[in-house]
Amino acid sequence: MTDHDDGVDLAAGPDGRVSTSAVAKAVVGEALGAIDPDAAARSAAVREWRSGYLAPYRDLVVAGTRTADAADAVARTGLAALHARSVFRRDGEQVPLLDACARWTEPAYSSVTITGDAGLDPGLTMPFHGKRLFAVDVRRQLDSWVHEGIVERGLATSVHTVLDHPDWLDLSGVTVVVLGAGAEMGPLRSLLRWGAHVVAVDLPRPDVWARVIATARSSAGTLTIPVPLGATPSDDDELAAVAGIDLVRRLPEARTWLSTLEGPFTLGTYTYADGAMHVRVALAADALGASLTAARADVGLAFLATPTDVYAVPLTAVEESRRRWEGRGLSGIAQLPLRAVGRFAPNYPDTVQTERGEIGIADCLVPQQGPNYALAKRLQRWRATQSRRDGVWTSLNIAPATRTRSVVKNRALAAAYAGAHRFGVEIFEPSTSNTLMAALLVHDLRSTESLARPDAVLAHPDDAWARQAAHGGLWRSAYAPRSVLGIAAALGVLSRS
């Protein structure tokens, strides 16, 4: 029997090895089988999952988008199939993942709370291209993004509404648990600036905690940090040295610690890791959310979805993309030879008929990010679909493509991002992205019209994130993203040179 790490993991196969590809293929096949047996058979026929997973993930969206019940069936089947293949290991014992929080319940962490000494930020401002935009300029930029097809109109409307209600930005009575407190795309900095109580969870990494603690000290908010029982740090350096929870290996202890937190609160997942570890940490966060929402009615969920996935999009996006395709002009002549080898393909060669009308399928999966990333992010969408139907307040918003450290260190993606503007796609800086998405979270928390509310009237679960997506232009570009990825990278290399 092959040795395995303790903590959250996928179950080993018959050969004693853990294969994320084998698990993902089986899970996607089961989810498809609930709705579309033909698509499930095509998925099962994929020989090399790492290179062949793109079409099955598209099929999942097509199968689920036809009816609301189909989306629910895909989500529930996918979640059940994935958790059936997920385990928690400790000290030679292995239990199903969802049972782990009830198996080990001894407290292991206490809390240290920091109260910032800054005044409340007076309103919504946004960093943009080296400047800081204030109210009027934020509004202009929102409308410009809509006009350019960078974000959907619903996002601009939601953030305009936040600007119309500056009192919403006083978050002194709001508690948000931030899983991945040090993440570049997380809302921690904005929430603290607006006076929220942030409960921070991240790995025991002193450099991360030193930065998070410093942010809290200079904010208007309150920060609660987990430290091992018995730890008595006397200053911020000592606190940073002992703070943190490894969610993958200490999931039950994280759950025990958070179960004592006074509600209501929102559990926000902003975690990321490389490779198979991304699936493990996503599963840990999902199990934590499932456990807490099952036990308490005062817990909501929040996620950021990636723009590089497959989405059902409104017909207006399809029509604009097709107008751009038809309006390429003389530059299209030079593209003719490239189209012969699959380059410069149209974004929407066809549409899908559903119970709510004709829709498009924006296939923005990027193979360079790999099947582990796809599974981890699809898990979050499945959870959002199911939890809203189960009556849980759930915010899932699509964030724009952003120059985060995890992207920049991938040379192929970094180059593609550098050339993306040639094809109508805007790549955001982290400070702009996380401020914009934090403002959208405030709208979801405050507005009676919020699509995060389980009583929001939606024709289909996908509408909850499609209406206010910040896709960066991927949905309305003339070109299918993968058809121009290599060209964008080449242009990016040239421009950076």
Protein backbone atom coordinates (compact mmCIF):
# COMPACT_ATOMS: atom_id res chain seq x y z
CA MET A 1 0.00 0.00 0.00
CA THR A 2 1.39 3.38 -0.97
CA ASP A 3 1.86 5.86 1.88
CA HIS A 4 -0.31 8.97 1.72
CA ASP A 5 -0.21 12.34 3.40
CA ASP A 6 -2.44 12.98 6.38
CA GLY A 7 -5.35 15.33 5.87
CA VAL A 8 -7.86 15.92 3.10
CA ASP A 9 -7.19 13.87 -0.01
CA LEU A 10 -8.77 11.85 -2.77
CA ALA A 11 -9.20 8.14 -2.17
CA ALA A 12 -6.57 5.82 -3.57
CA GLY A 13 -7.35 3.64 -6.54
CA PRO A 14 -7.04 -0.16 -6.74
CA ASP A 15 -3.28 0.17 -7.20
CA GLY A 16 -2.97 2.13 -3.96
CA ARG A 17 -2.17 5.39 -5.74
CA VAL A 18 -4.09 8.65 -5.73
CA SER A 19 -4.91 9.87 -9.23
CA THR A 20 -6.70 13.18 -9.52
CA SER A 21 -7.20 12.52 -13.24
CA ALA A 22 -8.94 9.18 -12.59
CA VAL A 23 -11.16 10.72 -9.92
CA ALA A 24 -12.02 13.76 -12.04
CA LYS A 25 -12.90 11.59 -15.04
CA ALA A 26 -15.18 9.38 -12.92
CA VAL A 27 -16.85 12.37 -11.23
CA VAL A 28 -17.47 14.23 -14.48
CA GLY A 29 -18.81 11.02 -16.02
CA GLU A 30 -21.29 10.51 -13.17
CA ALA A 31 -22.42 14.14 -13.29
CA LEU A 32 -22.98 13.90 -17.05
CA GLY A 33 -24.69 10.53 -16.70
CA ALA A 34 -27.40 12.11 -14.55
CA ILE A 35 -28.57 14.18 -17.54
CA ASP A 36 -26.83 13.24 -20.78
CA PRO A 37 -25.76 9.57 -21.21
CA ASP A 38 -24.29 10.27 -24.66
CA ALA A 39 -22.01 12.98 -23.26
CA ALA A 40 -21.11 10.65 -20.38
CA ALA A 41 -20.07 8.00 -22.92
CA ARG A 42 -17.89 10.53 -24.75
CA SER A 43 -16.25 11.48 -21.48
CA ALA A 44 -15.60 7.85 -20.62
CA ALA A 45 -13.92 7.39 -24.00
CA VAL A 46 -11.29 10.06 -23.28
CA ARG A 47 -7.98 8.19 -22.99
CA GLU A 48 -5.71 10.98 -21.75
CA TRP A 49 -7.68 13.09 -19.29
CA ARG A 50 -4.99 15.75 -18.89
CA SER A 51 -5.28 16.67 -22.55
CA GLY A 52 -8.86 15.56 -23.18
CA TYR A 53 -10.83 17.07 -20.27
CA LEU A 54 -11.87 20.26 -22.08
CA ALA A 55 -14.82 18.84 -24.04
CA PRO A 56 -16.38 16.97 -21.06
CA TYR A 57 -16.29 20.14 -18.96
CA ARG A 58 -18.08 21.99 -21.75
CA ASP A 59 -20.61 19.16 -21.98
CA LEU A 60 -21.33 19.56 -18.25
CA VAL A 61 -22.45 23.15 -18.80
CA VAL A 62 -24.48 22.32 -21.90
CA ALA A 63 -26.23 19.47 -20.06
CA GLY A 64 -26.98 21.58 -17.02
CA THR A 65 -28.09 24.76 -18.73
CA ARG A 66 -31.16 23.38 -20.51
CA THR A 67 -33.34 23.43 -17.38
CA ALA A 68 -32.99 24.54 -13.76
CA ASP A 69 -33.59 20.97 -12.60
CA ALA A 70 -30.83 19.73 -14.90
CA ALA A 71 -28.36 22.20 -13.36
CA ASP A 72 -29.36 21.02 -9.91
CA ALA A 73 -28.97 17.37 -10.90
CA VAL A 74 -25.49 17.96 -12.35
CA ALA A 75 -24.39 19.87 -9.24
CA ARG A 76 -25.76 17.38 -6.74
CA THR A 77 -24.47 14.35 -8.62
CA GLY A 78 -21.06 15.92 -9.14
CA LEU A 79 -20.72 16.91 -5.47
CA ALA A 80 -21.84 13.50 -4.26
CA ALA A 81 -19.50 11.70 -6.65
CA LEU A 82 -16.53 13.82 -5.64
CA HIS A 83 -17.13 13.51 -1.91
CA ALA A 84 -17.66 9.76 -2.30
CA ARG A 85 -14.05 9.66 -3.51
CA SER A 86 -12.66 12.04 -0.86
CA VAL A 87 -11.20 11.06 2.49
CA PHE A 88 -9.53 12.43 5.57
CA ARG A 89 -6.49 10.58 6.92
CA ARG A 90 -4.93 10.89 10.36
CA ASP A 91 -2.65 8.63 12.37
CA GLY A 92 -3.29 5.60 10.17
CA GLU A 93 -7.07 6.07 10.23
CA GLN A 94 -9.10 7.04 7.16
CA VAL A 95 -12.68 8.33 7.18
CA PRO A 96 -14.99 9.82 4.54
CA LEU A 97 -14.21 13.51 4.22
CA LEU A 98 -17.64 14.77 5.30
CA ASP A 99 -17.38 12.67 8.48
CA ALA A 100 -14.03 14.10 9.53
CA CYS A 101 -15.40 17.17 11.28
CA ALA A 102 -17.53 15.00 13.56
CA ARG A 103 -14.73 12.48 14.16
CA TRP A 104 -12.18 14.88 15.68
CA THR A 105 -13.79 17.65 17.74
CA GLU A 106 -11.20 18.54 20.37
CA PRO A 107 -10.44 22.29 20.43
CA ALA A 108 -6.92 23.09 19.24
CA TYR A 109 -7.05 26.83 18.56
CA SER A 110 -7.91 30.02 20.39
CA SER A 111 -8.31 33.53 18.99
CA VAL A 112 -6.33 36.72 19.02
CA THR A 113 -8.22 39.83 17.97
CA ILE A 114 -6.73 43.01 16.53
CA THR A 115 -8.67 46.26 16.26
CA GLY A 116 -7.45 48.74 13.67
CA ASP A 117 -6.80 52.35 14.58
CA ALA A 118 -7.76 54.06 11.30
CA GLY A 119 -10.98 55.85 10.52
CA LEU A 120 -13.65 54.30 8.33
CA ASP A 121 -12.99 54.72 4.61
CA PRO A 122 -15.52 57.36 3.49
CA GLY A 123 -16.55 55.65 0.26
CA LEU A 124 -15.80 53.38 -2.65
CA THR A 125 -12.56 54.22 -4.40
CA MET A 126 -10.75 51.99 -6.86
CA PRO A 127 -7.08 51.74 -7.90
CA PHE A 128 -6.78 51.82 -11.68
CA HIS A 129 -3.67 52.16 -13.88
CA GLY A 130 -1.62 53.81 -11.18
CA LYS A 131 -4.37 56.22 -10.12
CA ARG A 132 -7.18 56.07 -7.59
CA LEU A 133 -10.66 56.57 -8.98
CA PHE A 134 -13.28 58.28 -6.83
CA ALA A 135 -17.06 58.10 -7.11
CA VAL A 136 -17.71 59.90 -10.41
CA ASP A 137 -14.69 58.33 -12.10
CA VAL A 138 -15.61 54.88 -10.78
CA ARG A 139 -19.03 55.28 -12.39
CA ARG A 140 -17.47 56.36 -15.69
CA GLN A 141 -15.10 53.42 -15.66
CA LEU A 142 -17.91 50.97 -14.96
CA ASP A 143 -19.92 52.31 -17.89
CA SER A 144 -16.82 52.25 -20.10
CA TRP A 145 -16.25 48.58 -19.26
CA VAL A 146 -19.86 47.78 -20.17
CA HIS A 147 -19.56 49.69 -23.46
CA GLU A 148 -16.33 47.83 -24.30
CA GLY A 149 -17.82 44.45 -23.40
CA ILE A 150 -15.44 43.88 -20.48
CA VAL A 151 -18.14 43.33 -17.83
CA GLU A 152 -21.83 42.59 -17.95
CA ARG A 153 -24.31 45.39 -17.38
CA GLY A 154 -25.53 43.76 -14.14
CA LEU A 155 -22.11 44.23 -12.54
CA ALA A 156 -22.10 47.95 -13.31
CA THR A 157 -25.65 48.28 -12.01
CA SER A 158 -24.74 46.50 -8.76
CA VAL A 159 -21.66 48.64 -8.11
CA HIS A 160 -23.56 51.81 -9.07
CA THR A 161 -26.07 50.81 -6.40
CA VAL A 162 -23.29 50.52 -3.82
CA LEU A 163 -22.17 54.02 -4.79
CA ASP A 164 -25.77 55.20 -4.38
CA HIS A 165 -25.78 53.79 -0.81
CA PRO A 166 -22.49 54.86 0.80
CA ASP A 167 -23.84 53.74 4.18
CA TRP A 168 -23.59 50.15 2.90
CA LEU A 169 -19.80 50.51 3.11
CA ASP A 170 -19.96 50.76 6.89
CA LEU A 171 -19.43 47.06 7.55
CA SER A 172 -18.91 47.38 11.30
CA GLY A 173 -21.71 44.88 11.91
CA VAL A 174 -20.59 42.36 9.27
CA THR A 175 -18.43 39.28 9.86
CA VAL A 176 -16.68 37.51 6.99
CA VAL A 177 -14.45 34.46 7.36
CA VAL A 178 -11.76 34.72 4.69
CA LEU A 179 -10.25 31.36 3.75
CA GLY A 180 -7.02 32.32 2.02
CA ALA A 181 -6.53 35.54 3.97
CA GLY A 182 -3.31 36.37 2.16
CA ALA A 183 -4.67 35.74 -1.35
CA GLU A 184 -4.16 38.50 -3.91
CA MET A 185 -7.75 38.13 -5.12
CA GLY A 186 -9.26 38.04 -1.64
CA PRO A 187 -11.36 40.88 -0.15
CA LEU A 188 -9.53 41.12 3.19
CA ARG A 189 -7.99 44.55 2.63
CA SER A 190 -11.22 46.15 1.38
CA LEU A 191 -13.37 44.57 4.08
CA LEU A 192 -11.05 45.83 6.82
CA ARG A 193 -10.93 49.29 5.22
CA TRP A 194 -14.72 49.36 5.40
CA GLY A 195 -14.78 48.35 9.07
CA ALA A 196 -15.77 44.67 8.85
CA HIS A 197 -14.89 41.94 11.32
CA VAL A 198 -12.64 39.62 9.31
CA VAL A 199 -11.84 36.15 10.62
CA ALA A 200 -8.67 35.15 8.81
CA VAL A 201 -7.63 31.61 7.87
CA ASP A 202 -4.40 30.87 6.05
CA LEU A 203 -1.39 28.58 6.31
CA PRO A 204 1.06 29.05 9.21
CA ARG A 205 3.38 31.29 7.21
CA PRO A 206 4.86 34.17 9.20
CA ASP A 207 5.45 36.34 6.12
CA VAL A 208 1.77 36.12 5.16
CA TRP A 209 0.58 36.82 8.69
CA ALA A 210 2.95 39.76 9.16
CA ARG A 211 1.38 41.37 6.09
CA VAL A 212 -2.19 40.57 7.17
CA ILE A 213 -1.59 41.87 10.70
CA ALA A 214 -0.05 45.10 9.40
CA THR A 215 -3.06 45.60 7.12
CA ALA A 216 -5.43 45.18 10.06
CA ARG A 217 -3.49 47.58 12.29
CA SER A 218 -3.85 50.38 9.73
CA SER A 219 -7.53 49.72 9.00
CA ALA A 220 -10.93 50.57 10.47
CA GLY A 221 -11.80 46.90 10.94
CA THR A 222 -11.31 44.05 13.37
CA LEU A 223 -9.24 40.97 12.63
CA THR A 224 -9.54 37.62 14.42
CA ILE A 225 -6.62 35.23 14.04
CA PRO A 226 -6.32 31.54 15.04
CA VAL A 227 -3.39 30.57 17.27
CA PRO A 228 -2.65 27.21 18.90
CA LEU A 229 -4.17 26.71 22.35
CA GLY A 230 -1.77 27.94 24.99
CA ALA A 231 0.05 30.38 22.72
CA THR A 232 0.48 33.82 24.29
CA PRO A 233 2.21 36.05 21.72
CA SER A 234 3.34 39.34 23.22
CA ASP A 235 3.76 41.35 20.02
CA ASP A 236 2.92 41.22 16.32
CA ASP A 237 6.12 39.40 15.38
CA GLU A 238 5.38 36.60 17.84
CA LEU A 239 1.76 36.53 16.67
CA ALA A 240 2.79 36.16 13.03
CA ALA A 241 5.14 33.33 14.02
CA VAL A 242 2.37 31.18 15.57
CA ALA A 243 -0.76 32.21 13.63
CA GLY A 244 -2.54 30.11 11.04
CA ILE A 245 -4.25 26.83 10.28
CA ASP A 246 -3.36 24.32 7.60
CA LEU A 247 -6.90 23.73 6.36
CA VAL A 248 -6.00 20.53 4.51
CA ARG A 249 -4.39 18.82 7.50
CA ARG A 250 -6.32 20.49 10.32
CA LEU A 251 -9.81 20.64 8.84
CA PRO A 252 -11.63 19.26 11.93
CA GLU A 253 -9.83 21.71 14.21
CA ALA A 254 -10.66 24.62 11.88
CA ARG A 255 -14.30 23.59 11.97
CA THR A 256 -14.30 23.34 15.78
CA TRP A 257 -12.71 26.79 16.05
CA LEU A 258 -15.16 28.43 13.62
CA SER A 259 -18.19 26.71 15.18
CA THR A 260 -17.79 28.94 18.24
CA LEU A 261 -17.86 32.11 16.15
CA GLU A 262 -20.83 34.35 16.82
CA GLY A 263 -23.04 34.72 13.79
CA PRO A 264 -24.25 35.59 11.36
CA PHE A 265 -21.18 35.31 9.18
CA THR A 266 -20.17 34.62 5.59
CA LEU A 267 -17.63 31.91 4.83
CA GLY A 268 -15.64 33.18 1.86
CA THR A 269 -13.35 30.83 -0.09
CA TYR A 270 -10.37 32.52 -1.79
CA THR A 271 -7.84 29.70 -1.59
CA TYR A 272 -5.39 28.64 -4.30
CA ALA A 273 -2.59 26.08 -4.61
CA ASP A 274 -0.61 24.52 -7.41
CA GLY A 275 -1.50 21.18 -9.00
CA ALA A 276 -3.36 18.49 -7.09
CA MET A 277 -3.08 20.47 -3.85
CA HIS A 278 -5.60 22.93 -5.30
CA VAL A 279 -8.18 20.13 -5.39
CA ARG A 280 -7.35 19.13 -1.81
CA VAL A 281 -7.67 22.63 -0.40
CA ALA A 282 -10.88 23.24 -2.40
CA LEU A 283 -12.32 20.04 -0.95
CA ALA A 284 -11.30 21.10 2.55
CA ALA A 285 -13.03 24.46 2.13
CA ASP A 286 -16.10 22.77 0.65
CA ALA A 287 -16.35 20.28 3.51
CA LEU A 288 -16.00 23.12 6.01
CA GLY A 289 -18.78 25.08 4.33
CA ALA A 290 -21.05 22.05 4.04
CA SER A 291 -20.53 21.19 7.71
CA LEU A 292 -21.15 24.71 9.00
CA THR A 293 -24.23 25.41 6.84
CA ALA A 294 -25.73 22.05 7.79
CA ALA A 295 -25.35 22.85 11.49
CA ARG A 296 -26.21 26.56 11.46
CA ALA A 297 -28.79 28.70 9.68
CA ASP A 298 -26.76 31.90 10.10
CA VAL A 299 -23.86 31.01 7.79
CA GLY A 300 -23.62 32.11 4.15
CA LEU A 301 -21.11 31.18 1.46
CA ALA A 302 -19.06 33.33 -0.92
CA PHE A 303 -16.78 32.38 -3.82
CA LEU A 304 -14.89 33.96 -6.69
CA ALA A 305 -15.26 32.05 -9.94
CA THR A 306 -12.57 32.08 -12.60
CA PRO A 307 -13.26 33.65 -16.01
CA THR A 308 -11.30 30.80 -17.64
CA ASP A 309 -14.08 28.22 -17.43
CA VAL A 310 -17.20 27.37 -19.43
CA TYR A 311 -20.35 29.44 -18.90
CA ALA A 312 -23.86 29.73 -20.27
CA VAL A 313 -24.12 33.35 -21.42
CA PRO A 314 -27.02 35.58 -22.53
CA LEU A 315 -27.87 35.93 -26.18
CA THR A 316 -26.87 39.61 -26.06
CA ALA A 317 -23.24 38.52 -25.50
CA VAL A 318 -23.47 36.10 -28.43
CA GLU A 319 -24.90 38.77 -30.72
CA GLU A 320 -22.20 41.32 -29.81
CA SER A 321 -19.46 38.73 -30.34
CA ARG A 322 -20.87 37.87 -33.74
CA ARG A 323 -21.08 41.55 -34.73
CA ARG A 324 -17.42 41.90 -33.84
CA TRP A 325 -16.58 38.80 -35.85
CA GLU A 326 -18.39 40.14 -38.90
CA GLY A 327 -16.77 43.56 -38.45
CA ARG A 328 -13.17 42.41 -38.51
CA GLY A 329 -12.64 44.25 -41.81
CA LEU A 330 -9.52 43.93 -43.94
CA SER A 331 -7.54 42.47 -41.06
CA GLY A 332 -9.54 39.29 -41.53
CA ILE A 333 -7.83 38.64 -44.90
CA ALA A 334 -4.51 38.08 -43.19
CA GLN A 335 -6.18 35.62 -40.84
CA LEU A 336 -7.50 33.28 -43.54
CA PRO A 337 -4.48 30.93 -43.61
CA LEU A 338 -4.49 30.72 -39.82
CA ARG A 339 -8.19 29.81 -39.72
CA ALA A 340 -7.35 26.78 -41.86
CA VAL A 341 -5.36 25.36 -38.94
CA GLY A 342 -7.89 26.25 -36.30
CA ARG A 343 -6.73 29.77 -35.47
CA PHE A 344 -9.06 32.75 -35.19
CA ALA A 345 -12.24 30.72 -34.78
CA PRO A 346 -15.49 32.53 -33.95
CA ASN A 347 -16.47 32.59 -30.28
CA TYR A 348 -19.99 31.24 -30.84
CA PRO A 349 -20.32 28.95 -33.88
CA ASP A 350 -23.68 27.79 -32.51
CA THR A 351 -26.12 28.29 -29.65
CA VAL A 352 -28.10 26.05 -27.30
CA GLN A 353 -31.88 25.98 -26.96
CA THR A 354 -33.08 25.93 -23.35
CA GLU A 355 -36.35 26.32 -21.48
CA ARG A 356 -35.51 30.02 -21.02
CA GLY A 357 -34.64 30.58 -24.67
CA GLU A 358 -31.53 30.57 -26.81
CA ILE A 359 -28.20 30.99 -25.03
CA GLY A 360 -24.52 30.80 -25.90
CA ILE A 361 -21.76 28.68 -24.41
CA ALA A 362 -18.61 30.68 -23.66
CA ASP A 363 -15.84 28.09 -23.61
CA CYS A 364 -12.97 29.94 -21.97
CA LEU A 365 -11.09 26.98 -20.51
CA VAL A 366 -7.33 27.44 -20.76
CA PRO A 367 -5.45 24.14 -21.03
CA GLN A 368 -2.34 25.67 -19.43
CA GLN A 369 -4.21 25.85 -16.13
CA GLY A 370 -4.85 22.12 -16.21
CA PRO A 371 -7.56 19.68 -15.09
CA ASN A 372 -6.89 20.09 -11.35
CA TYR A 373 -7.69 23.79 -11.55
CA ALA A 374 -10.83 23.03 -13.58
CA LEU A 375 -12.08 20.50 -11.02
CA ALA A 376 -11.40 22.75 -8.03
CA LYS A 377 -13.26 25.69 -9.58
CA ARG A 378 -16.17 23.56 -10.86
CA LEU A 379 -16.57 22.15 -7.34
CA GLN A 380 -17.27 25.69 -6.11
CA ARG A 381 -19.90 26.29 -8.79
CA TRP A 382 -21.61 23.02 -7.96
CA ARG A 383 -21.68 23.97 -4.28
CA ALA A 384 -23.08 27.41 -5.10
CA THR A 385 -25.83 25.89 -7.24
CA GLN A 386 -26.83 23.38 -4.58
CA SER A 387 -26.56 25.67 -1.55
CA ARG A 388 -28.77 28.38 -3.08
CA ARG A 389 -31.42 25.77 -3.85
CA ASP A 390 -31.11 24.52 -0.28
CA GLY A 391 -31.87 27.99 1.08
CA VAL A 392 -28.32 29.12 1.89
CA TRP A 393 -27.27 32.69 1.10
CA THR A 394 -24.60 32.17 -1.57
CA SER A 395 -22.53 34.72 -3.48
CA LEU A 396 -20.49 33.47 -6.44
CA ASN A 397 -19.13 36.13 -8.76
CA ILE A 398 -16.94 35.77 -11.83
CA ALA A 399 -13.74 37.77 -11.39
CA PRO A 400 -11.77 39.08 -14.38
CA ALA A 401 -8.49 37.64 -15.58
CA THR A 402 -5.89 39.20 -13.29
CA ARG A 403 -2.10 39.47 -13.19
CA THR A 404 -1.69 37.57 -9.94
CA ARG A 405 1.60 35.98 -8.89
CA SER A 406 0.25 32.52 -9.74
CA VAL A 407 -0.38 33.67 -13.33
CA VAL A 408 2.81 35.65 -13.81
CA LYS A 409 4.97 32.68 -12.82
CA ASN A 410 3.35 30.64 -15.62
CA ARG A 411 5.33 31.97 -18.58
CA ALA A 412 2.82 30.87 -21.23
CA LEU A 413 -0.12 32.49 -19.42
CA ALA A 414 1.87 35.63 -18.62
CA ALA A 415 2.72 36.04 -22.30
CA ALA A 416 -0.88 35.40 -23.38
CA TYR A 417 -2.11 37.97 -20.88
CA ALA A 418 0.36 40.50 -22.26
CA GLY A 419 -1.11 40.08 -25.75
CA ALA A 420 -4.76 39.63 -24.77
CA HIS A 421 -5.73 43.27 -25.39
CA ARG A 422 -5.22 42.68 -29.12
CA PHE A 423 -8.37 40.54 -29.02
CA GLY A 424 -10.62 42.72 -26.87
CA VAL A 425 -9.72 41.13 -23.53
CA GLU A 426 -8.66 43.31 -20.61
CA ILE A 427 -6.35 41.87 -17.97
CA PHE A 428 -6.81 43.51 -14.57
CA GLU A 429 -4.27 44.42 -11.94
CA PRO A 430 -4.86 42.65 -8.58
CA SER A 431 -5.67 45.86 -6.69
CA THR A 432 -8.37 46.80 -9.21
CA SER A 433 -9.78 43.29 -9.35
CA ASN A 434 -10.07 42.65 -5.64
CA THR A 435 -11.58 46.10 -4.93
CA LEU A 436 -14.18 45.63 -7.66
CA MET A 437 -15.10 42.14 -6.47
CA ALA A 438 -15.21 43.29 -2.82
CA ALA A 439 -17.68 46.01 -3.84
CA LEU A 440 -19.78 43.36 -5.57
CA LEU A 441 -19.71 41.29 -2.38
CA VAL A 442 -20.97 44.33 -0.44
CA HIS A 443 -23.85 44.61 -2.89
CA ASP A 444 -24.63 40.92 -2.46
CA LEU A 445 -24.60 41.32 1.34
CA ARG A 446 -26.64 44.53 1.51
CA SER A 447 -29.10 44.70 -1.37
CA THR A 448 -32.62 43.30 -1.17
CA GLU A 449 -32.22 42.67 -4.93
CA SER A 450 -29.09 40.59 -4.40
CA LEU A 451 -28.86 37.47 -6.55
CA ALA A 452 -27.07 35.78 -3.63
CA ARG A 453 -30.34 35.63 -1.73
CA PRO A 454 -31.93 32.18 -1.93
CA ASP A 455 -35.31 33.82 -2.54
CA ALA A 456 -34.04 35.73 -5.60
CA VAL A 457 -36.15 34.93 -8.64
CA LEU A 458 -33.96 33.32 -11.30
CA ALA A 459 -34.94 31.49 -14.47
CA HIS A 460 -31.86 29.32 -14.05
CA PRO A 461 -29.12 28.97 -11.38
CA ASP A 462 -26.46 30.10 -13.87
CA ASP A 463 -28.11 33.53 -14.02
CA ALA A 464 -26.89 34.21 -10.48
CA TRP A 465 -23.37 34.75 -11.80
CA ALA A 466 -23.99 35.44 -15.49
CA ARG A 467 -25.84 38.70 -14.87
CA GLN A 468 -22.98 40.45 -13.08
CA ALA A 469 -19.91 38.76 -14.52
CA ALA A 470 -16.56 40.49 -14.84
CA HIS A 471 -15.23 38.24 -17.60
CA GLY A 472 -12.75 40.79 -18.92
CA GLY A 473 -14.16 40.65 -22.45
CA LEU A 474 -13.87 36.90 -22.98
CA TRP A 475 -17.63 36.49 -23.46
CA ARG A 476 -18.00 39.26 -26.03
CA SER A 477 -14.76 38.87 -27.96
CA ALA A 478 -15.09 37.94 -31.64
CA TYR A 479 -12.73 35.01 -31.14
CA ALA A 480 -12.93 31.72 -29.30
CA PRO A 481 -10.31 32.21 -26.54
CA ARG A 482 -8.30 29.06 -27.23
CA SER A 483 -8.14 29.87 -30.94
CA VAL A 484 -6.12 33.01 -30.25
CA LEU A 485 -4.24 31.96 -27.12
CA GLY A 486 -1.03 31.07 -28.95
CA ILE A 487 -1.15 34.20 -31.11
CA ALA A 488 -1.80 36.36 -28.03
CA ALA A 489 1.21 34.77 -26.32
CA ALA A 490 3.44 35.42 -29.33
CA LEU A 491 2.28 39.04 -29.51
CA GLY A 492 2.74 39.32 -25.77
CA VAL A 493 6.33 38.12 -25.99
CA LEU A 494 7.04 40.65 -28.72
CA SER A 495 5.43 43.53 -26.84
CA ARG A 496 7.24 42.65 -23.61
CA SER A 497 10.54 42.45 -25.50
